[in-house]
Protein backbone atom coordinates (compact mmCIF):
# COMPACT_ATOMS: atom_id res chain seq x y z
CA MET A 1 -0.31 -0.40 -0.34
CA LYS A 2 1.22 3.13 -1.03
CA LEU A 3 0.79 6.47 1.11
CA MET A 4 0.92 9.69 -0.91
CA ILE A 5 1.75 12.87 1.02
CA MET A 6 2.29 16.37 -0.44
CA GLU A 7 5.68 17.72 0.23
CA GLU A 8 6.64 21.39 -0.27
CA ASN A 9 3.95 21.01 -3.68
CA LEU A 10 5.62 17.70 -4.70
CA LYS A 11 3.54 14.69 -4.91
CA ILE A 12 5.53 11.78 -2.47
CA ASP A 13 4.55 8.42 -2.69
CA LEU A 14 6.26 6.09 -0.03
CA ASP A 15 6.00 2.47 -0.11
CA ASP A 16 5.57 0.28 3.10
CA ASP A 17 9.13 -0.73 3.22
CA GLU A 18 9.97 3.07 3.30
CA LYS A 19 7.27 3.89 6.15
CA LEU A 20 8.52 1.64 8.17
CA VAL A 21 12.55 2.44 7.50
CA LEU A 22 10.87 6.40 8.15
CA TYR A 23 9.03 5.18 11.61
CA ALA A 24 12.42 3.75 12.66
CA ILE A 25 14.46 6.04 12.40
CA GLY A 26 12.48 8.97 13.53
CA ALA A 27 11.61 6.61 16.43
CA LEU A 28 12.70 7.62 19.81
CA ASP A 29 12.73 11.71 19.36
CA ASN A 30 14.54 10.75 16.03
CA SER A 31 17.65 9.99 17.62
CA PRO A 32 19.66 9.06 15.55
CA LEU A 33 20.97 5.82 14.34
CA GLU A 34 25.20 5.33 14.76
CA SER A 35 25.89 2.69 11.89
CA LYS A 36 24.44 0.89 8.70
CA ILE A 37 24.70 -2.34 11.01
CA LYS A 38 22.82 -0.90 13.73
CA ILE A 39 19.81 0.09 10.82
CA GLN A 40 20.46 -3.36 9.41
CA LYS A 41 19.66 -5.10 13.10
CA LEU A 42 16.94 -2.90 13.87
CA MET A 43 14.78 -3.82 11.04
CA PHE A 44 16.23 -7.32 11.03
CA LEU A 45 14.33 -7.62 14.59
CA ILE A 46 11.14 -5.69 13.86
CA SER A 47 10.69 -7.61 11.05
CA ASN A 48 11.14 -10.86 13.19
CA VAL A 49 8.36 -9.20 15.71
CA PHE A 50 5.63 -8.35 12.65
CA LYS A 51 5.93 -11.78 10.24
CA ASP A 52 4.24 -9.46 7.76
CA PHE A 53 7.43 -7.25 7.29
CA GLN A 54 9.71 -10.56 6.62
CA GLY A 55 8.77 -10.12 2.94
CA LEU A 56 9.09 -6.76 2.28
CA LEU A 57 13.51 -6.86 3.36
CA HIS A 58 14.27 -9.92 2.38
CA PHE A 59 16.94 -10.67 5.13
CA GLU A 60 19.83 -13.00 3.96
CA PRO A 61 23.14 -14.23 6.03
CA HIS A 62 26.10 -11.53 4.89
CA LEU A 63 29.28 -10.80 6.50
CA PHE A 64 27.93 -8.66 9.21
CA GLY A 65 24.97 -11.00 10.15
CA PRO A 66 21.42 -10.61 8.90
CA TYR A 67 21.29 -8.52 5.84
CA SER A 68 18.80 -6.80 3.41
CA GLU A 69 19.52 -5.30 -0.35
CA THR A 70 16.30 -4.28 -0.12
CA LEU A 71 16.77 -2.13 3.02
CA ASP A 72 20.00 -0.14 1.75
CA ASN A 73 17.90 0.52 -1.58
CA VAL A 74 15.56 1.77 0.57
CA LEU A 75 17.74 3.77 2.70
CA ASP A 76 19.05 5.40 -0.20
CA SER A 77 15.64 6.49 -1.43
CA LEU A 78 15.16 8.19 1.54
CA ILE A 79 18.02 10.36 1.81
CA ARG A 80 17.57 10.61 -2.03
CA LEU A 81 13.82 11.96 -1.76
CA GLY A 82 15.39 14.37 1.46
CA PHE A 83 13.45 12.75 4.80
CA VAL A 84 17.11 11.22 6.10
CA GLU A 85 20.62 12.60 6.46
CA GLU A 86 23.71 11.33 6.80
CA VAL A 87 25.25 12.78 9.89
CA HIS A 88 29.29 12.02 11.10
CA GLY A 89 29.53 10.06 8.46
CA SER A 90 27.83 7.14 9.38
CA SER A 91 24.63 7.93 11.39
CA TYR A 92 21.28 8.54 10.07
CA ARG A 93 18.34 10.66 11.05
CA LEU A 94 15.61 12.26 10.04
CA ASN A 95 16.06 16.16 8.53
CA ASP A 96 13.07 18.70 8.83
CA ALA A 97 10.95 17.28 6.25
CA GLY A 98 11.39 13.57 7.24
CA MET A 99 9.84 14.79 10.79
CA ARG A 100 6.66 16.39 9.11
CA MET A 101 6.28 12.84 7.06
CA TYR A 102 7.20 10.58 10.04
CA LEU A 103 4.19 13.21 12.22
CA SER A 104 2.24 12.51 9.08
CA LEU A 105 2.14 8.80 9.95
CA LYS A 106 -0.09 6.82 11.71
CA PRO A 107 1.34 3.47 12.57
CA LYS A 108 -0.11 0.92 14.87
CA PRO A 109 0.64 1.74 18.41
CA GLU A 110 2.09 -1.94 18.71
CA LEU A 111 4.54 -1.50 16.14
CA VAL A 112 5.60 1.99 17.61
CA ARG A 113 6.45 0.29 20.89
CA VAL A 114 8.28 -2.56 19.33
CA ILE A 115 10.40 -0.04 16.78
CA GLU A 116 10.93 2.19 20.03
CA ASP A 117 12.26 -0.83 22.55
CA PHE A 118 14.47 -2.14 19.70
CA LYS A 119 15.87 1.25 18.89
CA GLY A 120 15.98 1.51 22.46
CA PHE A 121 18.04 -1.15 22.96
CA LEU A 122 20.49 -0.96 20.32
CA ASN A 123 21.03 2.60 20.53
CA ASP A 124 24.05 2.36 23.63
CA ILE A 125 25.82 -0.64 22.74
CA SER A 126 28.38 -1.50 20.15
CA ASN A 127 28.38 -3.12 16.75
CA ASN A 128 30.15 -5.96 18.26
CA GLU A 129 27.94 -6.40 20.96
CA ILE A 130 25.16 -6.15 18.90
CA LEU A 131 26.15 -8.90 16.35
CA ALA A 132 26.68 -11.34 19.63
CA PHE A 133 23.53 -11.08 20.71
CA ILE A 134 21.90 -11.59 16.95
CA TYR A 135 24.88 -14.46 16.09
CA VAL A 136 23.64 -16.24 19.48
CA SER A 137 19.95 -15.71 18.91
CA TYR A 138 20.21 -16.40 15.30
CA PRO A 139 22.63 -18.36 14.71
CA GLN A 140 21.29 -19.27 10.98
CA TYR A 141 22.59 -15.85 10.09
CA ILE A 142 26.36 -17.19 11.43
CA SER A 143 27.47 -19.04 7.75
CA GLU A 144 28.50 -15.93 5.73
CA SER A 145 29.86 -13.77 9.03
CA ILE A 146 33.49 -12.94 8.22
CA ILE A 147 33.69 -11.75 12.17
CA TRP A 148 32.04 -14.31 14.14
CA ASP A 149 35.50 -15.81 14.70
CA GLU A 150 37.05 -12.59 16.05
CA LEU A 151 33.61 -11.80 18.44
CA LYS A 152 33.64 -15.68 19.54
CA PRO A 153 36.54 -15.11 22.16
CA ASN A 154 35.56 -11.74 23.82
CA ARG A 155 31.54 -13.32 24.28
CA GLN A 156 32.05 -13.24 27.84
CA LYS A 157 32.81 -9.46 27.77
CA PHE A 158 30.01 -8.77 25.33
CA ALA A 159 27.39 -10.70 27.52
CA ILE A 160 28.85 -9.07 30.42
CA SER A 161 28.83 -5.56 29.08
CA LEU A 162 25.16 -6.29 28.09
CA PHE A 163 24.00 -7.46 31.53
CA ARG A 164 25.57 -4.99 33.54
CA LYS A 165 23.56 -2.42 30.81
CA SER A 166 20.55 -4.31 31.78
CA LYS A 167 19.89 -5.11 27.95
CA VAL A 168 19.40 -8.81 28.43
CA SER A 169 18.16 -11.11 30.99
CA PHE A 170 21.08 -13.28 33.27
CA GLY A 171 20.08 -16.53 30.61
CA LYS A 172 20.46 -14.61 27.89
CA ALA A 173 23.76 -13.09 29.01
CA ALA A 174 24.85 -17.11 29.64
CA GLU A 175 23.92 -18.10 26.52
CA ILE A 176 26.05 -15.36 24.91
CA ALA A 177 28.61 -15.79 27.15
CA GLY A 178 28.38 -19.67 25.60
CA LEU A 179 28.46 -20.48 29.60
CA SER A 180 25.77 -22.59 31.80
CA SER A 181 23.88 -20.43 34.11
CA ILE A 182 26.38 -21.51 36.85
CA ASP A 183 29.47 -20.71 35.08
CA PHE A 184 28.48 -16.90 34.02
CA ASP A 185 27.68 -16.89 37.41
CA LYS A 186 30.58 -17.88 39.56
CA ILE A 187 32.14 -15.36 36.66
CA LEU A 188 29.71 -12.55 37.75
CA LYS A 189 30.89 -13.54 41.16
CA ASP A 190 34.76 -13.58 40.62
CA ARG A 191 34.33 -10.04 39.05
CA ARG A 192 32.07 -8.61 42.27
CA ILE A 193 29.30 -7.74 40.07
CA ARG A 194 26.48 -7.92 41.87
CA TRP A 195 23.37 -9.05 40.22
CA ARG A 196 20.49 -10.60 43.13
CA GLU A 197 19.38 -9.10 46.29
């Protein structure tokens, strides 16, 4: 379904994939997404919650985890249309025209909540922490990775960091670390990281 908006006397048609990317970039008060990896993983996570969106962006295993060429094309299109700007080399946010378009769209509240949750999750963690989380949670996307072998020796470090930032549960952190719950608990105790009352 297309949405037609009049922007500065120009008729602009947005496809569903363009609207979805616009929602994601504009969420959380238009806080910038700091890399293409974060945009790719944000949209991947969203598409795993809303099965209707899986067909829009077509993610496949790639060098840095799940990747959608369609998403890259949509992002380029939104930049060309004058809605998205690249700041500081690889951060993306909506410009004034993009914010006007974003505010004119009426996404479902459930979609807004999910996008905001995932964007908040990704915004203050490193690309390596994101990739460790993604590869452990979705191992079918490891096959083409050029970085997983470099990340594996640091799994415990990433897991502890994500856990300390309250980004993942204790169980998910143990899984990311590649350890049993008992062994992960011991590592936390050895590092004097309190997590239970």
